[in-house]
């Protein structure tokens, strides 16, 4: 479980570089991978069973608060939508990046 945080940090560093390059598609892809990978490692869920419902269920049983859980799932939705529905502007990217970092930290505290 310790490697979960280390791997997520590494991926988020890559996402930060992509953010600075304004590389939207790869930024959202890397951020989503960081979050999904983190959740899989942290919660012991195999990639094939990693779904939003399963993540929500496990986070709630581990007493991660509802707001953090909802925020996490919303951030994943934003990343997925950004990959398939191109929009412009990097303001959203900065917010998603900050959100992802904060969510990982919150889950680290709560799990």
PDB file of N, CA and C in Angstrom:
ATOM      1  N   UNK A   1       0.817  -1.208   0.000  1.00  0.00           N
ATOM      2  CA  UNK A   1       0.000   0.000   0.000  1.00  0.00           C
ATOM      3  C   UNK A   1       0.854   1.263   0.000  1.00  0.00           C
ATOM      4  N   UNK A   2       2.055   1.146   0.520  1.00  0.00           N
ATOM      5  CA  UNK A   2       2.940   2.320   0.550  1.00  0.00           C
ATOM      6  C   UNK A   2       3.313   2.763  -0.853  1.00  0.00           C
ATOM      7  N   UNK A   3       3.481   1.781  -1.750  1.00  0.00           N
ATOM      8  CA  UNK A   3       3.880   2.140  -3.108  1.00  0.00           C
ATOM      9  C   UNK A   3       2.771   2.908  -3.826  1.00  0.00           C
ATOM     10  N   UNK A   4       1.550   2.783  -3.330  1.00  0.00           N
ATOM     11  CA  UNK A   4       0.428   3.487  -3.959  1.00  0.00           C
ATOM     12  C   UNK A   4       0.708   4.986  -4.002  1.00  0.00           C
ATOM     13  N   UNK A   5       1.106   5.546  -2.865  1.00  0.00           N
ATOM     14  CA  UNK A   5       1.359   6.983  -2.784  1.00  0.00           C
ATOM     15  C   UNK A   5       2.568   7.372  -3.631  1.00  0.00           C
ATOM     16  N   UNK A   6       3.617   6.557  -3.578  1.00  0.00           N
ATOM     17  CA  UNK A   6       4.841   6.840  -4.334  1.00  0.00           C
ATOM     18  C   UNK A   6       4.555   6.866  -5.840  1.00  0.00           C
ATOM     19  N   UNK A   7       3.818   5.869  -6.314  1.00  0.00           N
ATOM     20  CA  UNK A   7       3.493   5.806  -7.746  1.00  0.00           C
ATOM     21  C   UNK A   7       2.589   6.970  -8.154  1.00  0.00           C
ATOM     22  N   UNK A   8       1.635   7.296  -7.306  1.00  0.00           N
ATOM     23  CA  UNK A   8       0.725   8.406  -7.614  1.00  0.00           C
ATOM     24  C   UNK A   8       1.498   9.712  -7.712  1.00  0.00           C
ATOM     25  N   UNK A   9       2.454   9.916  -6.783  1.00  0.00           N
ATOM     26  CA  UNK A   9       3.268  11.144  -6.820  1.00  0.00           C
ATOM     27  C   UNK A   9       4.053  11.221  -8.122  1.00  0.00           C
ATOM     28  N   UNK A  10       4.618  10.108  -8.523  1.00  0.00           N
ATOM     29  CA  UNK A  10       5.407  10.059  -9.757  1.00  0.00           C
ATOM     30  C   UNK A  10       4.533  10.430 -10.961  1.00  0.00           C
ATOM     31  N   UNK A  11       3.353   9.831 -11.029  1.00  0.00           N
ATOM     32  CA  UNK A  11       2.436  10.132 -12.136  1.00  0.00           C
ATOM     33  C   UNK A  11       1.969  11.582 -12.096  1.00  0.00           C
ATOM     34  N   UNK A  12       1.741  12.111 -10.888  1.00  0.00           N
ATOM     35  CA  UNK A  12       1.287  13.492 -10.787  1.00  0.00           C
ATOM     36  C   UNK A  12       2.408  14.467 -11.165  1.00  0.00           C
ATOM     37  N   UNK A  13       3.662  14.075 -10.946  1.00  0.00           N
ATOM     38  CA  UNK A  13       4.778  14.908 -11.424  1.00  0.00           C
ATOM     39  C   UNK A  13       4.757  14.972 -12.949  1.00  0.00           C
ATOM     40  N   UNK A  14       4.508  13.825 -13.569  1.00  0.00           N
ATOM     41  CA  UNK A  14       4.399  13.785 -15.029  1.00  0.00           C
ATOM     42  C   UNK A  14       3.221  14.640 -15.480  1.00  0.00           C
ATOM     43  N   UNK A  15       2.100  14.520 -14.784  1.00  0.00           N
ATOM     44  CA  UNK A  15       0.912  15.318 -15.124  1.00  0.00           C
ATOM     45  C   UNK A  15       1.225  16.814 -15.013  1.00  0.00           C
ATOM     46  N   UNK A  16       1.998  17.180 -13.998  1.00  0.00           N
ATOM     47  CA  UNK A  16       2.361  18.586 -13.810  1.00  0.00           C
ATOM     48  C   UNK A  16       3.185  19.097 -14.995  1.00  0.00           C
ATOM     49  N   UNK A  17       4.107  18.284 -15.493  1.00  0.00           N
ATOM     50  CA  UNK A  17       4.887  18.681 -16.674  1.00  0.00           C
ATOM     51  C   UNK A  17       3.961  18.889 -17.871  1.00  0.00           C
ATOM     52  N   UNK A  18       3.026  17.960 -18.038  1.00  0.00           N
ATOM     53  CA  UNK A  18       2.084  18.057 -19.157  1.00  0.00           C
ATOM     54  C   UNK A  18       1.194  19.299 -19.007  1.00  0.00           C
ATOM     55  N   UNK A  19       0.841  19.622 -17.772  1.00  0.00           N
ATOM     56  CA  UNK A  19       0.052  20.821 -17.488  1.00  0.00           C
ATOM     57  C   UNK A  19       0.822  22.062 -17.939  1.00  0.00           C
ATOM     58  N   UNK A  20       2.104  22.120 -17.560  1.00  0.00           N
ATOM     59  CA  UNK A  20       2.935  23.274 -17.923  1.00  0.00           C
ATOM     60  C   UNK A  20       3.128  23.391 -19.432  1.00  0.00           C
ATOM     61  N   UNK A  21       3.117  22.228 -20.116  1.00  0.00           N
ATOM     62  CA  UNK A  21       3.244  22.236 -21.583  1.00  0.00           C
ATOM     63  C   UNK A  21       1.896  22.479 -22.250  1.00  0.00           C
ATOM     64  N   UNK A  22       0.836  22.575 -21.424  1.00  0.00           N
ATOM     65  CA  UNK A  22      -0.529  22.717 -21.918  1.00  0.00           C
ATOM     66  C   UNK A  22      -0.926  21.559 -22.838  1.00  0.00           C
ATOM     67  N   UNK A  23      -0.463  20.369 -22.513  1.00  0.00           N
ATOM     68  CA  UNK A  23      -0.764  19.161 -23.282  1.00  0.00           C
ATOM     69  C   UNK A  23      -2.008  18.517 -22.675  1.00  0.00           C
ATOM     70  N   UNK A  24      -3.161  19.035 -23.071  1.00  0.00           N
ATOM     71  CA  UNK A  24      -4.444  18.654 -22.473  1.00  0.00           C
ATOM     72  C   UNK A  24      -4.702  17.151 -22.423  1.00  0.00           C
ATOM     73  N   UNK A  25      -4.708  16.538 -23.587  1.00  0.00           N
ATOM     74  CA  UNK A  25      -5.098  15.126 -23.667  1.00  0.00           C
ATOM     75  C   UNK A  25      -4.226  14.257 -22.764  1.00  0.00           C
ATOM     76  N   UNK A  26      -2.924  14.416 -22.886  1.00  0.00           N
ATOM     77  CA  UNK A  26      -2.020  13.589 -22.080  1.00  0.00           C
ATOM     78  C   UNK A  26      -2.095  13.943 -20.595  1.00  0.00           C
ATOM     79  N   UNK A  27      -2.345  15.231 -20.303  1.00  0.00           N
ATOM     80  CA  UNK A  27      -2.502  15.645 -18.909  1.00  0.00           C
ATOM     81  C   UNK A  27      -3.666  14.905 -18.253  1.00  0.00           C
ATOM     82  N   UNK A  28      -4.827  14.956 -18.902  1.00  0.00           N
ATOM     83  CA  UNK A  28      -6.005  14.307 -18.307  1.00  0.00           C
ATOM     84  C   UNK A  28      -5.834  12.791 -18.254  1.00  0.00           C
ATOM     85  N   UNK A  29      -5.211  12.246 -19.264  1.00  0.00           N
ATOM     86  CA  UNK A  29      -4.954  10.808 -19.292  1.00  0.00           C
ATOM     87  C   UNK A  29      -4.049  10.409 -18.116  1.00  0.00           C
ATOM     88  N   UNK A  30      -2.978  11.153 -17.931  1.00  0.00           N
ATOM     89  CA  UNK A  30      -2.018  10.844 -16.861  1.00  0.00           C
ATOM     90  C   UNK A  30      -2.631  11.053 -15.476  1.00  0.00           C
ATOM     91  N   UNK A  31      -3.425  12.096 -15.328  1.00  0.00           N
ATOM     92  CA  UNK A  31      -4.078  12.362 -14.046  1.00  0.00           C
ATOM     93  C   UNK A  31      -5.058  11.238 -13.708  1.00  0.00           C
ATOM     94  N   UNK A  32      -5.850  10.830 -14.694  1.00  0.00           N
ATOM     95  CA  UNK A  32      -6.795   9.726 -14.473  1.00  0.00           C
ATOM     96  C   UNK A  32      -6.039   8.447 -14.112  1.00  0.00           C
ATOM     97  N   UNK A  33      -4.948   8.184 -14.828  1.00  0.00           N
ATOM     98  CA  UNK A  33      -4.144   6.985 -14.523  1.00  0.00           C
ATOM     99  C   UNK A  33      -3.564   7.046 -13.111  1.00  0.00           C
ATOM    100  N   UNK A  34      -3.119   8.237 -12.722  1.00  0.00           N
ATOM    101  CA  UNK A  34      -2.562   8.408 -11.373  1.00  0.00           C
ATOM    102  C   UNK A  34      -3.619   8.066 -10.327  1.00  0.00           C
ATOM    103  N   UNK A  35      -4.820   8.606 -10.507  1.00  0.00           N
ATOM    104  CA  UNK A  35      -5.889   8.367  -9.538  1.00  0.00           C
ATOM    105  C   UNK A  35      -6.344   6.911  -9.536  1.00  0.00           C
ATOM    106  N   UNK A  36      -6.597   6.355 -10.723  1.00  0.00           N
ATOM    107  CA  UNK A  36      -7.036   4.958 -10.800  1.00  0.00           C
ATOM    108  C   UNK A  36      -5.963   4.020 -10.261  1.00  0.00           C
ATOM    109  N   UNK A  37      -4.714   4.263 -10.647  1.00  0.00           N
ATOM    110  CA  UNK A  37      -3.619   3.422 -10.173  1.00  0.00           C
ATOM    111  C   UNK A  37      -3.477   3.496  -8.665  1.00  0.00           C
ATOM    112  N   UNK A  38      -3.578   4.708  -8.148  1.00  0.00           N
ATOM    113  CA  UNK A  38      -3.490   4.917  -6.706  1.00  0.00           C
ATOM    114  C   UNK A  38      -4.596   4.141  -5.993  1.00  0.00           C
ATOM    115  N   UNK A  39      -5.811   4.295  -6.483  1.00  0.00           N
ATOM    116  CA  UNK A  39      -6.954   3.629  -5.843  1.00  0.00           C
ATOM    117  C   UNK A  39      -6.813   2.110  -5.890  1.00  0.00           C
ATOM    118  N   UNK A  40      -6.395   1.599  -7.040  1.00  0.00           N
ATOM    119  CA  UNK A  40      -6.212   0.159  -7.166  1.00  0.00           C
ATOM    120  C   UNK A  40      -5.187  -0.357  -6.174  1.00  0.00           C
ATOM    121  N   UNK A  41      -4.036   0.331  -6.109  1.00  0.00           N
ATOM    122  CA  UNK A  41      -2.962  -0.082  -5.186  1.00  0.00           C
ATOM    123  C   UNK A  41      -3.379   0.098  -3.731  1.00  0.00           C
ATOM    124  N   UNK A  42      -3.939   1.250  -3.423  1.00  0.00           N
ATOM    125  CA  UNK A  42      -4.274   1.596  -2.038  1.00  0.00           C
ATOM    126  C   UNK A  42      -5.367   0.695  -1.472  1.00  0.00           C
ATOM    127  N   UNK A  43      -6.357   0.403  -2.310  1.00  0.00           N
ATOM    128  CA  UNK A  43      -7.523  -0.343  -1.838  1.00  0.00           C
ATOM    129  C   UNK A  43      -7.433  -1.832  -2.161  1.00  0.00           C
ATOM    130  N   UNK A  44      -6.351  -2.227  -2.828  1.00  0.00           N
ATOM    131  CA  UNK A  44      -6.164  -3.641  -3.150  1.00  0.00           C
ATOM    132  C   UNK A  44      -7.198  -4.172  -4.140  1.00  0.00           C
ATOM    133  N   UNK A  45      -7.535  -3.345  -5.132  1.00  0.00           N
ATOM    134  CA  UNK A  45      -8.497  -3.759  -6.158  1.00  0.00           C
ATOM    135  C   UNK A  45      -7.720  -4.008  -7.447  1.00  0.00           C
ATOM    136  N   UNK A  46      -7.942  -5.146  -8.081  1.00  0.00           N
ATOM    137  CA  UNK A  46      -7.255  -5.416  -9.349  1.00  0.00           C
ATOM    138  C   UNK A  46      -7.826  -4.513 -10.438  1.00  0.00           C
ATOM    139  N   UNK A  47      -6.996  -4.228 -11.445  1.00  0.00           N
ATOM    140  CA  UNK A  47      -7.410  -3.322 -12.533  1.00  0.00           C
ATOM    141  C   UNK A  47      -8.735  -3.767 -13.155  1.00  0.00           C
ATOM    142  N   UNK A  48      -8.927  -5.080 -13.297  1.00  0.00           N
ATOM    143  CA  UNK A  48     -10.135  -5.581 -13.954  1.00  0.00           C
ATOM    144  C   UNK A  48     -11.397  -5.334 -13.119  1.00  0.00           C
ATOM    145  N   UNK A  49     -11.239  -5.151 -11.800  1.00  0.00           N
ATOM    146  CA  UNK A  49     -12.400  -4.931 -10.944  1.00  0.00           C
ATOM    147  C   UNK A  49     -12.552  -3.476 -10.509  1.00  0.00           C
ATOM    148  N   UNK A  50     -11.682  -2.622 -11.042  1.00  0.00           N
ATOM    149  CA  UNK A  50     -11.659  -1.223 -10.626  1.00  0.00           C
ATOM    150  C   UNK A  50     -12.783  -0.450 -11.310  1.00  0.00           C
ATOM    151  N   UNK A  51     -13.842  -0.173 -10.565  1.00  0.00           N
ATOM    152  CA  UNK A  51     -14.967   0.623 -11.077  1.00  0.00           C
ATOM    153  C   UNK A  51     -15.284   1.717 -10.058  1.00  0.00           C
ATOM    154  N   UNK A  52     -16.000   2.719 -10.507  1.00  0.00           N
ATOM    155  CA  UNK A  52     -16.363   3.813  -9.600  1.00  0.00           C
ATOM    156  C   UNK A  52     -17.237   3.301  -8.457  1.00  0.00           C
ATOM    157  N   UNK A  53     -18.163   2.412  -8.779  1.00  0.00           N
ATOM    158  CA  UNK A  53     -19.037   1.878  -7.727  1.00  0.00           C
ATOM    159  C   UNK A  53     -18.245   1.120  -6.678  1.00  0.00           C
ATOM    160  N   UNK A  54     -17.305   0.305  -7.142  1.00  0.00           N
ATOM    161  CA  UNK A  54     -16.484  -0.486  -6.222  1.00  0.00           C
ATOM    162  C   UNK A  54     -15.624   0.440  -5.353  1.00  0.00           C
ATOM    163  N   UNK A  55     -15.025   1.453  -5.989  1.00  0.00           N
ATOM    164  CA  UNK A  55     -14.202   2.424  -5.257  1.00  0.00           C
ATOM    165  C   UNK A  55     -15.049   3.144  -4.205  1.00  0.00           C
ATOM    166  N   UNK A  56     -16.223   3.609  -4.604  1.00  0.00           N
ATOM    167  CA  UNK A  56     -17.120   4.314  -3.668  1.00  0.00           C
ATOM    168  C   UNK A  56     -17.435   3.412  -2.471  1.00  0.00           C
ATOM    169  N   UNK A  57     -17.821   2.191  -2.770  1.00  0.00           N
ATOM    170  CA  UNK A  57     -18.184   1.229  -1.730  1.00  0.00           C
ATOM    171  C   UNK A  57     -17.035   1.002  -0.738  1.00  0.00           C
ATOM    172  N   UNK A  58     -15.836   0.758  -1.242  1.00  0.00           N
ATOM    173  CA  UNK A  58     -14.690   0.481  -0.371  1.00  0.00           C
ATOM    174  C   UNK A  58     -14.278   1.719   0.417  1.00  0.00           C
ATOM    175  N   UNK A  59     -14.253   2.884  -0.228  1.00  0.00           N
ATOM    176  CA  UNK A  59     -13.885   4.109   0.482  1.00  0.00           C
ATOM    177  C   UNK A  59     -14.848   4.381   1.643  1.00  0.00           C
ATOM    178  N   UNK A  60     -16.128   4.154   1.406  1.00  0.00           N
ATOM    179  CA  UNK A  60     -17.102   4.398   2.466  1.00  0.00           C
ATOM    180  C   UNK A  60     -16.936   3.391   3.607  1.00  0.00           C
ATOM    181  N   UNK A  61     -16.612   2.134   3.286  1.00  0.00           N
ATOM    182  CA  UNK A  61     -16.394   1.153   4.362  1.00  0.00           C
ATOM    183  C   UNK A  61     -15.120   1.464   5.136  1.00  0.00           C
ATOM    184  N   UNK A  62     -14.195   2.187   4.506  1.00  0.00           N
ATOM    185  CA  UNK A  62     -12.956   2.574   5.189  1.00  0.00           C
ATOM    186  C   UNK A  62     -13.094   3.952   5.848  1.00  0.00           C
ATOM    187  N   UNK A  63     -14.324   4.423   5.927  1.00  0.00           N
ATOM    188  CA  UNK A  63     -14.644   5.691   6.594  1.00  0.00           C
ATOM    189  C   UNK A  63     -14.015   6.928   5.957  1.00  0.00           C
ATOM    190  N   UNK A  64     -13.774   6.860   4.649  1.00  0.00           N
ATOM    191  CA  UNK A  64     -13.364   8.076   3.934  1.00  0.00           C
ATOM    192  C   UNK A  64     -14.643   8.895   3.806  1.00  0.00           C
ATOM    193  N   UNK A  65     -14.579  10.186   4.139  1.00  0.00           N
ATOM    194  CA  UNK A  65     -15.832  10.938   4.165  1.00  0.00           C
ATOM    195  C   UNK A  65     -16.456  11.088   2.784  1.00  0.00           C
ATOM    196  N   UNK A  66     -17.771  11.275   2.816  1.00  0.00           N
ATOM    197  CA  UNK A  66     -18.595  11.326   1.609  1.00  0.00           C
ATOM    198  C   UNK A  66     -18.118  12.408   0.640  1.00  0.00           C
ATOM    199  N   UNK A  67     -17.750  13.576   1.186  1.00  0.00           N
ATOM    200  CA  UNK A  67     -17.318  14.692   0.347  1.00  0.00           C
ATOM    201  C   UNK A  67     -16.038  14.336  -0.424  1.00  0.00           C
ATOM    202  N   UNK A  68     -15.076  13.718   0.259  1.00  0.00           N
ATOM    203  CA  UNK A  68     -13.827  13.316  -0.398  1.00  0.00           C
ATOM    204  C   UNK A  68     -14.120  12.292  -1.493  1.00  0.00           C
ATOM    205  N   UNK A  69     -14.974  11.332  -1.171  1.00  0.00           N
ATOM    206  CA  UNK A  69     -15.330  10.289  -2.141  1.00  0.00           C
ATOM    207  C   UNK A  69     -16.001  10.906  -3.366  1.00  0.00           C
ATOM    208  N   UNK A  70     -16.963  11.796  -3.140  1.00  0.00           N
ATOM    209  CA  UNK A  70     -17.674  12.444  -4.250  1.00  0.00           C
ATOM    210  C   UNK A  70     -16.700  13.275  -5.090  1.00  0.00           C
ATOM    211  N   UNK A  71     -15.836  14.035  -4.431  1.00  0.00           N
ATOM    212  CA  UNK A  71     -14.832  14.840  -5.116  1.00  0.00           C
ATOM    213  C   UNK A  71     -13.941  13.991  -6.015  1.00  0.00           C
ATOM    214  N   UNK A  72     -13.517  12.869  -5.474  1.00  0.00           N
ATOM    215  CA  UNK A  72     -12.659  11.952  -6.213  1.00  0.00           C
ATOM    216  C   UNK A  72     -13.355  11.459  -7.478  1.00  0.00           C
ATOM    217  N   UNK A  73     -14.582  11.003  -7.329  1.00  0.00           N
ATOM    218  CA  UNK A  73     -15.320  10.474  -8.478  1.00  0.00           C
ATOM    219  C   UNK A  73     -15.624  11.580  -9.483  1.00  0.00           C
ATOM    220  N   UNK A  74     -15.908  12.780  -8.998  1.00  0.00           N
ATOM    221  CA  UNK A  74     -16.133  13.923  -9.904  1.00  0.00           C
ATOM    222  C   UNK A  74     -14.858  14.242 -10.693  1.00  0.00           C
ATOM    223  N   UNK A  75     -13.709  14.200 -10.015  1.00  0.00           N
ATOM    224  CA  UNK A  75     -12.437  14.493 -10.682  1.00  0.00           C
ATOM    225  C   UNK A  75     -12.154  13.447 -11.759  1.00  0.00           C
ATOM    226  N   UNK A  76     -12.441  12.190 -11.466  1.00  0.00           N
ATOM    227  CA  UNK A  76     -12.272  11.142 -12.483  1.00  0.00           C
ATOM    228  C   UNK A  76     -13.203  11.400 -13.673  1.00  0.00           C
ATOM    229  N   UNK A  77     -14.432  11.806 -13.389  1.00  0.00           N
ATOM    230  CA  UNK A  77     -15.389  12.122 -14.466  1.00  0.00           C
ATOM    231  C   UNK A  77     -14.862  13.254 -15.343  1.00  0.00           C
ATOM    232  N   UNK A  78     -14.328  14.291 -14.709  1.00  0.00           N
ATOM    233  CA  UNK A  78     -13.792  15.441 -15.454  1.00  0.00           C
ATOM    234  C   UNK A  78     -12.668  14.983 -16.379  1.00  0.00           C
ATOM    235  N   UNK A  79     -11.769  14.151 -15.847  1.00  0.00           N
ATOM    236  CA  UNK A  79     -10.659  13.644 -16.668  1.00  0.00           C
ATOM    237  C   UNK A  79     -11.189  12.852 -17.856  1.00  0.00           C
ATOM    238  N   UNK A  80     -12.149  11.968 -17.596  1.00  0.00           N
ATOM    239  CA  UNK A  80     -12.692  11.146 -18.685  1.00  0.00           C
ATOM    240  C   UNK A  80     -13.409  12.003 -19.718  1.00  0.00           C
ATOM    241  N   UNK A  81     -14.191  12.961 -19.266  1.00  0.00           N
ATOM    242  CA  UNK A  81     -14.896  13.828 -20.210  1.00  0.00           C
ATOM    243  C   UNK A  81     -13.918  14.642 -21.041  1.00  0.00           C
ATOM    244  N   UNK A  82     -12.868  15.137 -20.415  1.00  0.00           N
ATOM    245  CA  UNK A  82     -11.885  15.954 -21.118  1.00  0.00           C
ATOM    246  C   UNK A  82     -11.166  15.146 -22.202  1.00  0.00           C
ATOM    247  N   UNK A  83     -11.021  13.848 -21.971  1.00  0.00           N
ATOM    248  CA  UNK A  83     -10.363  13.010 -22.964  1.00  0.00           C
ATOM    249  C   UNK A  83     -11.228  12.834 -24.212  1.00  0.00           C
ATOM    250  N   UNK A  84     -12.549  12.826 -24.017  1.00  0.00           N
ATOM    251  CA  UNK A  84     -13.431  12.522 -25.136  1.00  0.00           C
ATOM    252  C   UNK A  84     -14.202  13.717 -25.669  1.00  0.00           C
ATOM    253  N   UNK A  85     -14.241  14.787 -24.907  1.00  0.00           N
ATOM    254  CA  UNK A  85     -14.954  15.989 -25.343  1.00  0.00           C
ATOM    255  C   UNK A  85     -14.029  17.187 -25.202  1.00  0.00           C
ATOM    256  N   UNK A  86     -13.243  17.454 -26.236  1.00  0.00           N
ATOM    257  CA  UNK A  86     -12.248  18.523 -26.136  1.00  0.00           C
ATOM    258  C   UNK A  86     -12.878  19.889 -25.858  1.00  0.00           C
ATOM    259  N   UNK A  87     -12.306  20.566 -24.867  1.00  0.00           N
ATOM    260  CA  UNK A  87     -12.684  21.954 -24.601  1.00  0.00           C
ATOM    261  C   UNK A  87     -11.379  22.729 -24.490  1.00  0.00           C
ATOM    262  N   UNK A  88     -11.471  24.036 -24.421  1.00  0.00           N
ATOM    263  CA  UNK A  88     -10.230  24.801 -24.387  1.00  0.00           C
ATOM    264  C   UNK A  88      -9.964  25.353 -23.000  1.00  0.00           C
ATOM    265  N   UNK A  89      -8.776  25.867 -22.817  1.00  0.00           N
ATOM    266  CA  UNK A  89      -8.432  26.523 -21.564  1.00  0.00           C
ATOM    267  C   UNK A  89      -7.694  25.614 -20.609  1.00  0.00           C
ATOM    268  N   UNK A  90      -6.694  26.178 -19.950  1.00  0.00           N
ATOM    269  CA  UNK A  90      -5.909  25.378 -19.016  1.00  0.00           C
ATOM    270  C   UNK A  90      -6.293  25.670 -17.568  1.00  0.00           C
ATOM    271  N   UNK A  91      -7.228  26.611 -17.358  1.00  0.00           N
ATOM    272  CA  UNK A  91      -7.663  26.911 -15.988  1.00  0.00           C
ATOM    273  C   UNK A  91      -8.244  25.663 -15.345  1.00  0.00           C
ATOM    274  N   UNK A  92      -9.022  24.930 -16.106  1.00  0.00           N
ATOM    275  CA  UNK A  92      -9.608  23.686 -15.613  1.00  0.00           C
ATOM    276  C   UNK A  92      -8.535  22.664 -15.284  1.00  0.00           C
ATOM    277  N   UNK A  93      -7.486  22.617 -16.076  1.00  0.00           N
ATOM    278  CA  UNK A  93      -6.399  21.661 -15.857  1.00  0.00           C
ATOM    279  C   UNK A  93      -5.723  21.918 -14.518  1.00  0.00           C
ATOM    280  N   UNK A  94      -5.451  23.174 -14.228  1.00  0.00           N
ATOM    281  CA  UNK A  94      -4.799  23.544 -12.966  1.00  0.00           C
ATOM    282  C   UNK A  94      -5.650  23.100 -11.781  1.00  0.00           C
ATOM    283  N   UNK A  95      -6.953  23.336 -11.889  1.00  0.00           N
ATOM    284  CA  UNK A  95      -7.874  22.976 -10.813  1.00  0.00           C
ATOM    285  C   UNK A  95      -7.908  21.449 -10.635  1.00  0.00           C
ATOM    286  N   UNK A  96      -7.972  20.724 -11.721  1.00  0.00           N
ATOM    287  CA  UNK A  96      -7.997  19.255 -11.664  1.00  0.00           C
ATOM    288  C   UNK A  96      -6.704  18.738 -11.036  1.00  0.00           C
ATOM    289  N   UNK A  97      -5.589  19.342 -11.418  1.00  0.00           N
ATOM    290  CA  UNK A  97      -4.298  18.923 -10.864  1.00  0.00           C
ATOM    291  C   UNK A  97      -4.281  19.117  -9.349  1.00  0.00           C
ATOM    292  N   UNK A  98      -4.656  20.299  -8.890  1.00  0.00           N
ATOM    293  CA  UNK A  98      -4.681  20.592  -7.450  1.00  0.00           C
ATOM    294  C   UNK A  98      -5.629  19.648  -6.714  1.00  0.00           C
ATOM    295  N   UNK A  99      -6.786  19.437  -7.317  1.00  0.00           N
ATOM    296  CA  UNK A  99      -7.774  18.536  -6.739  1.00  0.00           C
ATOM    297  C   UNK A  99      -7.222  17.128  -6.560  1.00  0.00           C
ATOM    298  N   UNK A 100      -6.577  16.621  -7.599  1.00  0.00           N
ATOM    299  CA  UNK A 100      -6.041  15.263  -7.563  1.00  0.00           C
ATOM    300  C   UNK A 100      -5.004  15.121  -6.453  1.00  0.00           C
ATOM    301  N   UNK A 101      -4.111  16.103  -6.349  1.00  0.00           N
ATOM    302  CA  UNK A 101      -3.083  16.084  -5.303  1.00  0.00           C
ATOM    303  C   UNK A 101      -3.732  16.081  -3.907  1.00  0.00           C
ATOM    304  N   UNK A 102      -4.710  16.956  -3.722  1.00  0.00           N
ATOM    305  CA  UNK A 102      -5.385  17.058  -2.427  1.00  0.00           C
ATOM    306  C   UNK A 102      -6.152  15.787  -2.090  1.00  0.00           C
ATOM    307  N   UNK A 103      -6.790  15.194  -3.086  1.00  0.00           N
ATOM    308  CA  UNK A 103      -7.573  13.978  -2.848  1.00  0.00           C
ATOM    309  C   UNK A 103      -6.686  12.820  -2.409  1.00  0.00           C
ATOM    310  N   UNK A 104      -5.549  12.683  -3.071  1.00  0.00           N
ATOM    311  CA  UNK A 104      -4.621  11.616  -2.693  1.00  0.00           C
ATOM    312  C   UNK A 104      -4.164  11.821  -1.250  1.00  0.00           C
ATOM    313  N   UNK A 105      -3.851  13.063  -0.894  1.00  0.00           N
ATOM    314  CA  UNK A 105      -3.418  13.369   0.471  1.00  0.00           C
ATOM    315  C   UNK A 105      -4.527  13.061   1.480  1.00  0.00           C
ATOM    316  N   UNK A 106      -5.760  13.441   1.166  1.00  0.00           N
ATOM    317  CA  UNK A 106      -6.888  13.189   2.064  1.00  0.00           C
ATOM    318  C   UNK A 106      -7.118  11.704   2.268  1.00  0.00           C
ATOM    319  N   UNK A 107      -7.044  10.950   1.181  1.00  0.00           N
ATOM    320  CA  UNK A 107      -7.268   9.498   1.298  1.00  0.00           C
ATOM    321  C   UNK A 107      -6.139   8.862   2.096  1.00  0.00           C
ATOM    322  N   UNK A 108      -4.913   9.341   1.897  1.00  0.00           N
ATOM    323  CA  UNK A 108      -3.782   8.854   2.689  1.00  0.00           C
ATOM    324  C   UNK A 108      -4.067   9.042   4.173  1.00  0.00           C
ATOM    325  N   UNK A 109      -4.611  10.198   4.544  1.00  0.00           N
ATOM    326  CA  UNK A 109      -4.918  10.489   5.946  1.00  0.00           C
ATOM    327  C   UNK A 109      -6.027   9.602   6.477  1.00  0.00           C
ATOM    328  N   UNK A 110      -7.025   9.361   5.630  1.00  0.00           N
ATOM    329  CA  UNK A 110      -8.252   8.720   6.121  1.00  0.00           C
ATOM    330  C   UNK A 110      -8.226   7.196   6.043  1.00  0.00           C
ATOM    331  N   UNK A 111      -7.393   6.636   5.201  1.00  0.00           N
ATOM    332  CA  UNK A 111      -7.397   5.166   5.054  1.00  0.00           C
ATOM    333  C   UNK A 111      -6.289   4.571   5.903  1.00  0.00           C
TER     334      UNK A 111
END
